[in-house]
N, C-alpha and C. Protein backbone atom coordinates (compact mmCIF):
# COMPACT_ATOMS: atom_id res chain seq x y z
N UNK A 1 76.16 138.99 20.55
CA UNK A 1 75.18 139.03 21.63
C UNK A 1 74.89 140.48 21.99
N UNK A 2 73.67 140.77 22.31
CA UNK A 2 73.23 142.11 22.66
C UNK A 2 73.86 142.59 23.96
N UNK A 3 74.14 143.87 24.03
CA UNK A 3 74.68 144.47 25.24
C UNK A 3 73.57 144.98 26.16
N UNK A 4 72.30 144.89 25.73
CA UNK A 4 71.19 145.34 26.55
C UNK A 4 70.96 144.39 27.71
N UNK A 5 70.56 144.94 28.86
CA UNK A 5 70.30 144.10 30.02
C UNK A 5 68.90 143.50 29.99
N UNK A 6 68.03 143.99 29.13
CA UNK A 6 66.66 143.47 29.05
C UNK A 6 66.35 143.04 27.63
N UNK A 7 65.64 141.94 27.50
CA UNK A 7 65.13 141.49 26.20
C UNK A 7 63.74 142.09 26.04
N UNK A 8 63.45 142.66 24.89
CA UNK A 8 62.14 143.29 24.69
C UNK A 8 61.13 142.36 24.03
N UNK A 9 61.56 141.20 23.52
CA UNK A 9 60.64 140.32 22.79
C UNK A 9 60.07 139.19 23.64
N UNK A 10 60.13 139.30 24.95
CA UNK A 10 59.59 138.26 25.82
C UNK A 10 58.06 138.32 25.84
N UNK A 11 57.41 137.15 25.87
CA UNK A 11 55.94 137.14 25.98
C UNK A 11 55.50 137.63 27.35
N UNK A 12 54.23 138.01 27.45
CA UNK A 12 53.65 138.43 28.73
C UNK A 12 53.72 137.28 29.73
N UNK A 13 53.91 137.62 31.01
CA UNK A 13 53.91 136.61 32.07
C UNK A 13 52.48 136.27 32.45
N UNK A 14 52.22 134.99 32.63
CA UNK A 14 50.91 134.49 33.06
C UNK A 14 51.05 134.02 34.50
N UNK A 15 50.15 134.44 35.38
CA UNK A 15 50.18 134.01 36.78
C UNK A 15 49.48 132.67 36.91
N UNK A 16 50.21 131.67 37.43
CA UNK A 16 49.68 130.33 37.64
C UNK A 16 49.13 130.15 39.05
N UNK A 17 49.75 130.84 40.01
CA UNK A 17 49.35 130.75 41.42
C UNK A 17 49.83 132.02 42.11
N UNK A 18 49.03 132.53 43.03
CA UNK A 18 49.42 133.71 43.80
C UNK A 18 49.10 133.47 45.27
N UNK A 19 50.13 133.46 46.10
CA UNK A 19 49.97 133.29 47.54
C UNK A 19 50.48 134.52 48.28
N UNK A 20 50.56 134.41 49.60
CA UNK A 20 50.99 135.55 50.42
C UNK A 20 52.45 135.93 50.16
N UNK A 21 53.33 134.93 50.00
CA UNK A 21 54.76 135.21 49.87
C UNK A 21 55.36 134.78 48.54
N UNK A 22 54.59 134.10 47.69
CA UNK A 22 55.15 133.60 46.44
C UNK A 22 54.10 133.64 45.33
N UNK A 23 54.58 133.91 44.13
CA UNK A 23 53.74 133.89 42.93
C UNK A 23 54.44 132.98 41.92
N UNK A 24 53.70 132.04 41.34
CA UNK A 24 54.25 131.19 40.29
C UNK A 24 53.77 131.72 38.95
N UNK A 25 54.72 131.87 38.02
CA UNK A 25 54.39 132.47 36.72
C UNK A 25 54.92 131.61 35.58
N UNK A 26 54.35 131.85 34.40
CA UNK A 26 54.84 131.24 33.17
C UNK A 26 55.01 132.36 32.15
N UNK A 27 56.15 132.36 31.51
CA UNK A 27 56.43 133.32 30.43
C UNK A 27 56.88 132.48 29.24
N UNK A 28 55.98 132.28 28.29
CA UNK A 28 56.26 131.35 27.19
C UNK A 28 56.26 129.94 27.76
N UNK A 29 57.36 129.21 27.60
CA UNK A 29 57.48 127.86 28.14
C UNK A 29 58.22 127.84 29.47
N UNK A 30 58.69 128.99 29.95
CA UNK A 30 59.49 129.08 31.17
C UNK A 30 58.61 129.34 32.39
N UNK A 31 58.73 128.49 33.40
CA UNK A 31 58.01 128.68 34.66
C UNK A 31 58.99 129.15 35.72
N UNK A 32 58.54 130.09 36.55
CA UNK A 32 59.41 130.62 37.60
C UNK A 32 58.59 131.16 38.75
N UNK A 33 59.28 131.43 39.85
CA UNK A 33 58.64 131.98 41.04
C UNK A 33 59.07 133.43 41.22
N UNK A 34 58.20 134.22 41.82
CA UNK A 34 58.54 135.60 42.16
C UNK A 34 57.88 135.96 43.48
N UNK A 35 58.23 137.12 43.98
CA UNK A 35 57.65 137.62 45.23
C UNK A 35 56.60 138.67 44.91
N UNK A 36 55.55 138.75 45.74
CA UNK A 36 54.58 139.84 45.58
C UNK A 36 55.27 141.20 45.72
N UNK A 37 54.82 142.16 44.97
CA UNK A 37 55.36 143.53 45.02
C UNK A 37 56.87 143.56 44.79
N UNK A 38 57.42 142.55 44.11
CA UNK A 38 58.87 142.48 43.86
C UNK A 38 59.68 142.63 45.14
N UNK A 39 59.13 142.11 46.24
CA UNK A 39 59.81 142.15 47.53
C UNK A 39 61.16 141.47 47.43
N UNK A 40 62.19 142.13 47.91
CA UNK A 40 63.50 141.51 47.99
C UNK A 40 63.78 141.08 49.42
N UNK A 41 64.96 140.59 49.63
CA UNK A 41 65.37 140.17 50.97
C UNK A 41 66.66 140.88 51.34
N UNK A 42 66.88 141.04 52.62
CA UNK A 42 68.15 141.53 53.14
C UNK A 42 68.88 140.32 53.70
N UNK A 43 70.08 140.06 53.19
CA UNK A 43 70.94 138.98 53.68
C UNK A 43 72.10 139.64 54.40
N UNK A 44 72.32 139.24 55.66
CA UNK A 44 73.18 140.00 56.55
C UNK A 44 74.45 139.25 56.90
N UNK A 45 75.59 139.84 56.56
CA UNK A 45 76.88 139.36 57.07
C UNK A 45 77.09 140.11 58.37
N UNK A 46 76.84 139.44 59.49
CA UNK A 46 76.91 140.07 60.82
C UNK A 46 78.25 139.71 61.44
N UNK A 47 79.15 140.68 61.49
CA UNK A 47 80.49 140.46 62.00
C UNK A 47 80.61 140.97 63.43
N UNK A 48 81.11 140.11 64.29
CA UNK A 48 81.30 140.45 65.71
C UNK A 48 82.76 140.12 66.05
N UNK A 49 83.62 141.12 65.89
CA UNK A 49 85.04 140.89 66.10
C UNK A 49 85.57 139.92 65.06
N UNK A 50 86.15 138.81 65.52
CA UNK A 50 86.69 137.80 64.61
C UNK A 50 85.68 136.69 64.33
N UNK A 51 84.41 136.95 64.60
CA UNK A 51 83.36 135.94 64.43
C UNK A 51 82.24 136.45 63.53
N UNK A 52 81.48 135.50 63.01
CA UNK A 52 80.31 135.81 62.21
C UNK A 52 79.10 135.16 62.89
N UNK A 53 77.95 135.81 62.79
CA UNK A 53 76.72 135.29 63.38
C UNK A 53 75.95 134.55 62.29
N UNK A 54 75.63 133.29 62.56
CA UNK A 54 74.86 132.45 61.63
C UNK A 54 73.58 132.00 62.31
N UNK A 55 72.61 131.58 61.51
CA UNK A 55 71.36 131.07 62.06
C UNK A 55 71.11 129.66 61.54
N UNK A 56 70.46 128.90 62.39
CA UNK A 56 70.03 127.53 62.07
C UNK A 56 68.52 127.51 62.18
N UNK A 57 67.87 127.01 61.13
CA UNK A 57 66.42 126.90 61.18
C UNK A 57 65.94 125.84 60.20
N UNK A 58 64.76 125.31 60.48
CA UNK A 58 64.20 124.31 59.58
C UNK A 58 63.65 125.01 58.34
N UNK A 59 63.94 124.42 57.19
CA UNK A 59 63.40 124.93 55.93
C UNK A 59 62.53 123.85 55.31
N UNK A 60 61.26 124.13 55.21
CA UNK A 60 60.26 123.16 54.76
C UNK A 60 60.60 122.56 53.39
N UNK A 61 61.03 123.35 52.38
CA UNK A 61 61.31 122.73 51.08
C UNK A 61 62.34 121.59 51.14
N UNK A 62 63.28 121.66 52.07
CA UNK A 62 64.29 120.61 52.21
C UNK A 62 63.89 119.55 53.24
N UNK A 63 63.00 119.91 54.16
CA UNK A 63 62.65 119.00 55.23
C UNK A 63 63.80 118.78 56.19
N UNK A 64 64.69 119.74 56.27
CA UNK A 64 65.88 119.65 57.12
C UNK A 64 66.19 121.03 57.69
N UNK A 65 67.08 121.04 58.68
CA UNK A 65 67.59 122.30 59.18
C UNK A 65 68.69 122.82 58.27
N UNK A 66 68.80 124.14 58.21
CA UNK A 66 69.82 124.78 57.40
C UNK A 66 70.71 125.64 58.28
N UNK A 67 71.89 125.94 57.77
CA UNK A 67 72.77 126.94 58.35
C UNK A 67 72.83 128.07 57.33
N UNK A 68 72.54 129.29 57.79
CA UNK A 68 72.42 130.42 56.87
C UNK A 68 72.96 131.68 57.51
N UNK A 69 73.15 132.69 56.68
CA UNK A 69 73.32 134.04 57.17
C UNK A 69 71.94 134.53 57.61
N UNK A 70 71.86 135.39 58.62
CA UNK A 70 70.56 135.97 58.98
C UNK A 70 69.99 136.70 57.75
N UNK A 71 68.68 136.64 57.60
CA UNK A 71 68.05 137.27 56.43
C UNK A 71 66.57 137.45 56.67
N UNK A 72 65.96 138.30 55.85
CA UNK A 72 64.52 138.47 55.93
C UNK A 72 64.01 139.35 54.82
N UNK A 73 62.71 139.30 54.62
CA UNK A 73 62.08 140.08 53.56
C UNK A 73 62.09 141.57 53.88
N UNK A 74 62.23 142.35 52.83
CA UNK A 74 62.16 143.81 52.93
C UNK A 74 60.74 144.21 52.57
N UNK A 75 60.10 144.94 53.46
CA UNK A 75 58.77 145.47 53.15
C UNK A 75 57.64 144.49 53.29
N UNK A 76 57.83 143.41 54.06
CA UNK A 76 56.73 142.45 54.19
C UNK A 76 55.60 143.01 55.04
N UNK A 77 55.90 143.95 55.94
CA UNK A 77 54.82 144.57 56.72
C UNK A 77 54.71 146.07 56.45
N UNK A 78 55.77 146.68 55.90
CA UNK A 78 55.77 148.11 55.56
C UNK A 78 56.39 148.24 54.17
N UNK A 79 55.59 148.53 53.18
CA UNK A 79 56.08 148.56 51.80
C UNK A 79 57.12 149.64 51.55
N UNK A 80 57.26 150.61 52.45
CA UNK A 80 58.26 151.67 52.30
C UNK A 80 59.54 151.40 53.08
N UNK A 81 59.67 150.20 53.64
CA UNK A 81 60.83 149.87 54.47
C UNK A 81 62.12 149.88 53.64
N UNK A 82 63.17 150.48 54.18
CA UNK A 82 64.47 150.50 53.49
C UNK A 82 65.22 149.20 53.74
N UNK A 83 66.21 148.94 52.91
CA UNK A 83 67.06 147.76 53.06
C UNK A 83 67.70 147.75 54.45
N UNK A 84 68.26 148.87 54.85
CA UNK A 84 68.97 148.95 56.13
C UNK A 84 68.02 148.76 57.32
N UNK A 85 66.82 149.33 57.24
CA UNK A 85 65.84 149.16 58.32
C UNK A 85 65.40 147.70 58.43
N UNK A 86 65.15 147.06 57.28
CA UNK A 86 64.77 145.64 57.29
C UNK A 86 65.90 144.79 57.86
N UNK A 87 67.13 145.08 57.46
CA UNK A 87 68.27 144.31 57.96
C UNK A 87 68.43 144.46 59.47
N UNK A 88 68.29 145.68 59.97
CA UNK A 88 68.40 145.91 61.42
C UNK A 88 67.30 145.16 62.17
N UNK A 89 66.08 145.21 61.66
CA UNK A 89 64.94 144.52 62.27
C UNK A 89 65.16 143.01 62.27
N UNK A 90 65.52 142.47 61.13
CA UNK A 90 65.71 141.02 61.01
C UNK A 90 66.88 140.53 61.86
N UNK A 91 67.95 141.31 61.95
CA UNK A 91 69.10 140.91 62.76
C UNK A 91 68.70 140.76 64.22
N UNK A 92 67.94 141.71 64.73
CA UNK A 92 67.47 141.63 66.12
C UNK A 92 66.50 140.46 66.29
N UNK A 93 65.50 140.36 65.39
CA UNK A 93 64.49 139.29 65.51
C UNK A 93 65.14 137.91 65.49
N UNK A 94 66.05 137.69 64.54
CA UNK A 94 66.61 136.35 64.36
C UNK A 94 67.74 136.02 65.32
N UNK A 95 68.59 137.01 65.61
CA UNK A 95 69.82 136.71 66.37
C UNK A 95 69.88 137.36 67.75
N UNK A 96 69.10 138.41 67.96
CA UNK A 96 69.18 139.15 69.22
C UNK A 96 70.31 140.17 69.24
N UNK A 97 71.00 140.34 68.10
CA UNK A 97 72.09 141.32 68.02
C UNK A 97 71.59 142.60 67.37
N UNK A 98 72.08 143.72 67.89
CA UNK A 98 71.82 145.03 67.31
C UNK A 98 73.14 145.54 66.74
N UNK A 99 73.11 146.08 65.53
CA UNK A 99 74.32 146.57 64.88
C UNK A 99 74.41 148.08 65.00
N UNK A 100 75.62 148.55 65.26
CA UNK A 100 75.88 149.98 65.29
C UNK A 100 76.06 150.52 63.87
N UNK A 101 76.48 149.64 62.96
CA UNK A 101 76.76 150.03 61.59
C UNK A 101 76.18 149.00 60.63
N UNK A 102 75.37 149.47 59.68
CA UNK A 102 74.79 148.60 58.65
C UNK A 102 75.02 149.24 57.29
N UNK A 103 75.70 148.50 56.41
CA UNK A 103 76.02 149.00 55.07
C UNK A 103 75.47 148.05 54.02
N UNK A 104 74.72 148.60 53.06
CA UNK A 104 74.24 147.79 51.94
C UNK A 104 75.37 147.65 50.94
N UNK A 105 75.63 146.42 50.50
CA UNK A 105 76.73 146.13 49.59
C UNK A 105 76.27 145.87 48.16
N UNK A 106 74.97 145.97 47.92
CA UNK A 106 74.45 145.80 46.56
C UNK A 106 73.37 144.75 46.47
N UNK A 107 72.73 144.73 45.30
CA UNK A 107 71.63 143.81 45.03
C UNK A 107 72.13 142.68 44.13
N UNK A 108 71.68 141.44 44.43
CA UNK A 108 72.13 140.26 43.71
C UNK A 108 70.94 139.35 43.40
N UNK A 109 71.03 138.60 42.31
CA UNK A 109 69.99 137.63 41.95
C UNK A 109 70.16 136.39 42.81
N UNK A 110 69.06 135.87 43.34
CA UNK A 110 69.12 134.70 44.23
C UNK A 110 69.35 133.42 43.44
N UNK A 111 68.57 133.16 42.44
CA UNK A 111 68.68 131.97 41.60
C UNK A 111 68.01 132.31 40.27
N UNK A 112 68.72 133.02 39.37
CA UNK A 112 68.08 133.65 38.22
C UNK A 112 67.39 132.71 37.23
N UNK A 113 67.71 131.43 37.24
CA UNK A 113 67.02 130.50 36.35
C UNK A 113 65.71 129.99 36.91
N UNK A 114 65.49 130.20 38.22
CA UNK A 114 64.33 129.63 38.91
C UNK A 114 63.37 130.68 39.45
N UNK A 115 63.93 131.85 39.81
CA UNK A 115 63.12 132.86 40.47
C UNK A 115 63.59 134.26 40.09
N UNK A 116 62.67 135.21 40.14
CA UNK A 116 63.03 136.61 39.92
C UNK A 116 63.45 137.27 41.23
N UNK A 117 63.48 136.50 42.32
CA UNK A 117 63.83 137.06 43.63
C UNK A 117 65.28 137.55 43.65
N UNK A 118 65.47 138.67 44.30
CA UNK A 118 66.81 139.20 44.50
C UNK A 118 67.01 139.46 45.98
N UNK A 119 68.26 139.63 46.36
CA UNK A 119 68.56 139.98 47.74
C UNK A 119 69.58 141.10 47.77
N UNK A 120 69.52 141.86 48.84
CA UNK A 120 70.50 142.90 49.10
C UNK A 120 71.46 142.36 50.14
N UNK A 121 72.74 142.34 49.82
CA UNK A 121 73.75 141.91 50.77
C UNK A 121 74.07 143.08 51.68
N UNK A 122 74.04 142.83 52.98
CA UNK A 122 74.24 143.88 53.97
C UNK A 122 75.32 143.44 54.95
N UNK A 123 76.20 144.36 55.30
CA UNK A 123 77.22 144.07 56.32
C UNK A 123 76.83 144.81 57.60
N UNK A 124 76.75 144.06 58.69
CA UNK A 124 76.43 144.63 60.00
C UNK A 124 77.65 144.48 60.90
N UNK A 125 78.04 145.58 61.54
CA UNK A 125 79.23 145.56 62.40
C UNK A 125 78.94 146.23 63.73
N UNK A 126 79.90 146.07 64.64
CA UNK A 126 79.79 146.63 65.99
C UNK A 126 78.50 146.14 66.65
N UNK A 127 78.43 144.85 66.85
CA UNK A 127 77.22 144.21 67.36
C UNK A 127 77.15 144.24 68.87
N UNK A 128 75.92 144.32 69.36
CA UNK A 128 75.64 144.27 70.79
C UNK A 128 74.47 143.32 71.00
N UNK A 129 74.64 142.35 71.88
CA UNK A 129 73.57 141.38 72.16
C UNK A 129 72.53 142.07 73.05
N UNK A 130 71.28 142.17 72.55
CA UNK A 130 70.23 142.85 73.33
C UNK A 130 69.05 141.94 73.66
N UNK A 131 68.98 140.76 73.01
CA UNK A 131 67.90 139.81 73.30
C UNK A 131 68.35 138.42 72.87
N UNK A 132 67.48 137.45 73.09
CA UNK A 132 67.81 136.06 72.74
C UNK A 132 67.72 135.80 71.24
N UNK A 133 66.94 136.59 70.51
CA UNK A 133 66.72 136.29 69.10
C UNK A 133 65.80 135.09 68.98
N UNK A 134 66.01 134.29 67.97
CA UNK A 134 65.20 133.09 67.78
C UNK A 134 64.08 133.24 66.77
N UNK A 135 63.88 134.45 66.26
CA UNK A 135 62.85 134.67 65.25
C UNK A 135 61.50 135.02 65.85
N UNK A 136 60.52 135.13 64.97
CA UNK A 136 59.15 135.44 65.36
C UNK A 136 58.25 134.28 64.97
N UNK A 137 57.07 134.27 65.56
CA UNK A 137 56.07 133.23 65.29
C UNK A 137 56.68 131.85 65.49
N UNK A 138 56.69 131.03 64.44
CA UNK A 138 57.17 129.66 64.58
C UNK A 138 58.53 129.44 63.91
N UNK A 139 59.36 130.49 63.82
CA UNK A 139 60.65 130.35 63.13
C UNK A 139 61.62 129.42 63.87
N UNK A 140 61.64 129.45 65.21
CA UNK A 140 62.47 128.54 66.00
C UNK A 140 63.93 128.54 65.53
N UNK A 141 64.55 129.71 65.57
CA UNK A 141 65.92 129.90 65.08
C UNK A 141 66.93 129.69 66.21
N UNK A 142 68.00 128.97 65.90
CA UNK A 142 69.13 128.82 66.81
C UNK A 142 70.26 129.69 66.28
N UNK A 143 70.88 130.46 67.15
CA UNK A 143 71.94 131.39 66.77
C UNK A 143 73.30 130.74 67.02
N UNK A 144 74.20 130.89 66.05
CA UNK A 144 75.57 130.39 66.19
C UNK A 144 76.54 131.55 65.99
N UNK A 145 77.46 131.71 66.92
CA UNK A 145 78.56 132.67 66.78
C UNK A 145 79.79 131.83 66.46
N UNK A 146 80.34 132.00 65.25
CA UNK A 146 81.42 131.14 64.77
C UNK A 146 82.63 132.00 64.42
N UNK A 147 83.79 131.62 64.93
CA UNK A 147 85.02 132.32 64.56
C UNK A 147 85.26 132.12 63.07
N UNK A 148 85.64 133.17 62.38
CA UNK A 148 85.89 133.08 60.94
C UNK A 148 86.95 132.03 60.64
N UNK A 149 87.94 131.91 61.50
CA UNK A 149 89.01 130.93 61.28
C UNK A 149 88.50 129.49 61.41
N UNK A 150 87.34 129.29 62.04
CA UNK A 150 86.77 127.95 62.22
C UNK A 150 85.53 127.71 61.35
N UNK A 151 85.19 128.67 60.51
CA UNK A 151 83.95 128.60 59.73
C UNK A 151 83.89 127.38 58.82
N UNK A 152 84.95 127.13 58.06
CA UNK A 152 84.93 126.00 57.14
C UNK A 152 84.74 124.69 57.90
N UNK A 153 85.42 124.52 59.00
CA UNK A 153 85.31 123.31 59.82
C UNK A 153 83.89 123.18 60.40
N UNK A 154 83.34 124.29 60.90
CA UNK A 154 81.98 124.31 61.46
C UNK A 154 80.96 123.86 60.41
N UNK A 155 81.06 124.43 59.20
CA UNK A 155 80.09 124.10 58.16
C UNK A 155 80.23 122.66 57.70
N UNK A 156 81.45 122.15 57.62
CA UNK A 156 81.64 120.76 57.24
C UNK A 156 81.05 119.82 58.29
N UNK A 157 81.21 120.17 59.56
CA UNK A 157 80.62 119.36 60.63
C UNK A 157 79.10 119.36 60.51
N UNK A 158 78.51 120.53 60.29
CA UNK A 158 77.06 120.62 60.15
C UNK A 158 76.58 119.84 58.92
N UNK A 159 77.33 119.91 57.83
CA UNK A 159 76.98 119.16 56.62
C UNK A 159 76.97 117.66 56.91
N UNK A 160 77.97 117.18 57.64
CA UNK A 160 78.05 115.76 58.00
C UNK A 160 76.91 115.35 58.92
N UNK A 161 76.40 116.30 59.71
CA UNK A 161 75.26 116.03 60.59
C UNK A 161 73.93 116.07 59.84
N UNK A 162 73.97 116.35 58.54
CA UNK A 162 72.75 116.34 57.73
C UNK A 162 72.12 117.70 57.49
N UNK A 163 72.78 118.77 57.91
CA UNK A 163 72.25 120.11 57.68
C UNK A 163 72.44 120.51 56.22
N UNK A 164 71.56 121.36 55.73
CA UNK A 164 71.72 121.99 54.42
C UNK A 164 72.49 123.29 54.66
N UNK A 165 73.53 123.53 53.86
CA UNK A 165 74.33 124.75 53.98
C UNK A 165 73.89 125.70 52.88
N UNK A 166 73.41 126.87 53.26
CA UNK A 166 72.93 127.85 52.30
C UNK A 166 74.09 128.34 51.42
N UNK A 167 73.83 128.45 50.12
CA UNK A 167 74.87 128.84 49.17
C UNK A 167 75.41 130.24 49.43
N UNK A 168 74.65 131.10 50.09
CA UNK A 168 75.14 132.45 50.34
C UNK A 168 76.32 132.46 51.30
N UNK A 169 76.55 131.35 52.00
CA UNK A 169 77.74 131.26 52.85
C UNK A 169 79.02 131.18 52.02
N UNK A 170 78.89 130.92 50.72
CA UNK A 170 80.05 130.97 49.83
C UNK A 170 80.65 132.37 49.80
N UNK A 171 79.84 133.39 50.12
CA UNK A 171 80.36 134.75 50.18
C UNK A 171 81.48 134.86 51.21
N UNK A 172 81.38 134.07 52.27
CA UNK A 172 82.43 134.07 53.29
C UNK A 172 83.52 133.06 53.00
N UNK A 173 83.18 131.98 52.30
CA UNK A 173 84.14 130.90 52.04
C UNK A 173 84.89 131.06 50.73
N UNK A 174 84.46 131.96 49.87
CA UNK A 174 85.11 132.14 48.58
C UNK A 174 86.62 132.21 48.65
N UNK A 175 87.18 133.06 49.50
CA UNK A 175 88.65 133.12 49.59
C UNK A 175 89.28 131.78 49.98
N UNK A 176 88.61 131.03 50.85
CA UNK A 176 89.13 129.73 51.27
C UNK A 176 89.20 128.79 50.07
N UNK A 177 88.13 128.77 49.26
CA UNK A 177 88.10 127.89 48.09
C UNK A 177 89.12 128.31 47.04
N UNK A 178 89.52 129.57 47.06
CA UNK A 178 90.55 130.05 46.14
C UNK A 178 91.96 129.82 46.67
N UNK A 179 92.05 129.22 47.84
CA UNK A 179 93.36 128.93 48.43
C UNK A 179 93.95 130.09 49.21
N UNK A 180 93.14 131.08 49.51
CA UNK A 180 93.60 132.24 50.28
C UNK A 180 93.26 132.02 51.75
N UNK A 181 94.18 132.29 52.63
CA UNK A 181 93.93 132.06 54.06
C UNK A 181 93.68 133.38 54.76
N UNK A 182 92.57 134.03 54.40
CA UNK A 182 92.26 135.35 54.95
C UNK A 182 91.75 135.29 56.38
N UNK A 183 91.30 134.12 56.84
CA UNK A 183 90.73 134.02 58.18
C UNK A 183 91.70 133.45 59.19
N UNK A 184 92.87 133.06 58.76
CA UNK A 184 93.83 132.41 59.68
C UNK A 184 94.58 133.46 60.46
């Protein structure tokens, strides 16, 4: 197998649909979604002492409410916006918390078989509540402050209530699934 990160023999991508936030493409027989201007997202692990800040919001593709880490698009209104600036803005908009410290932890593929979208994982610390949050426009976000030691129980309860649990929460639960009790 080749050690190159890119294949050079791929056919040109054909645009099937182009909207404000999503583009559907076909490359050969493969169909996938991408973002305009290769916009990524900032996904925020917002730590407040022994707790993490989560958001609950309705997601139209599922027709249900989800539990997620706070997140938002980078550069949706300013194409020169940095990862850290987008994360700080989204954290305040969605949760009402302002972080004293924001660190980018790297870029990751969201769902590489379905979309070219990537996200930057960001850690926000030393939080201060400055507003109610709740999102902008019609986002209608509910903020949850959950103790890390109670996170698995909280998510299982929400799952039983019919909520969709975002896979990025595995970033926090990974040690638990490995049998490590890092939050106890």
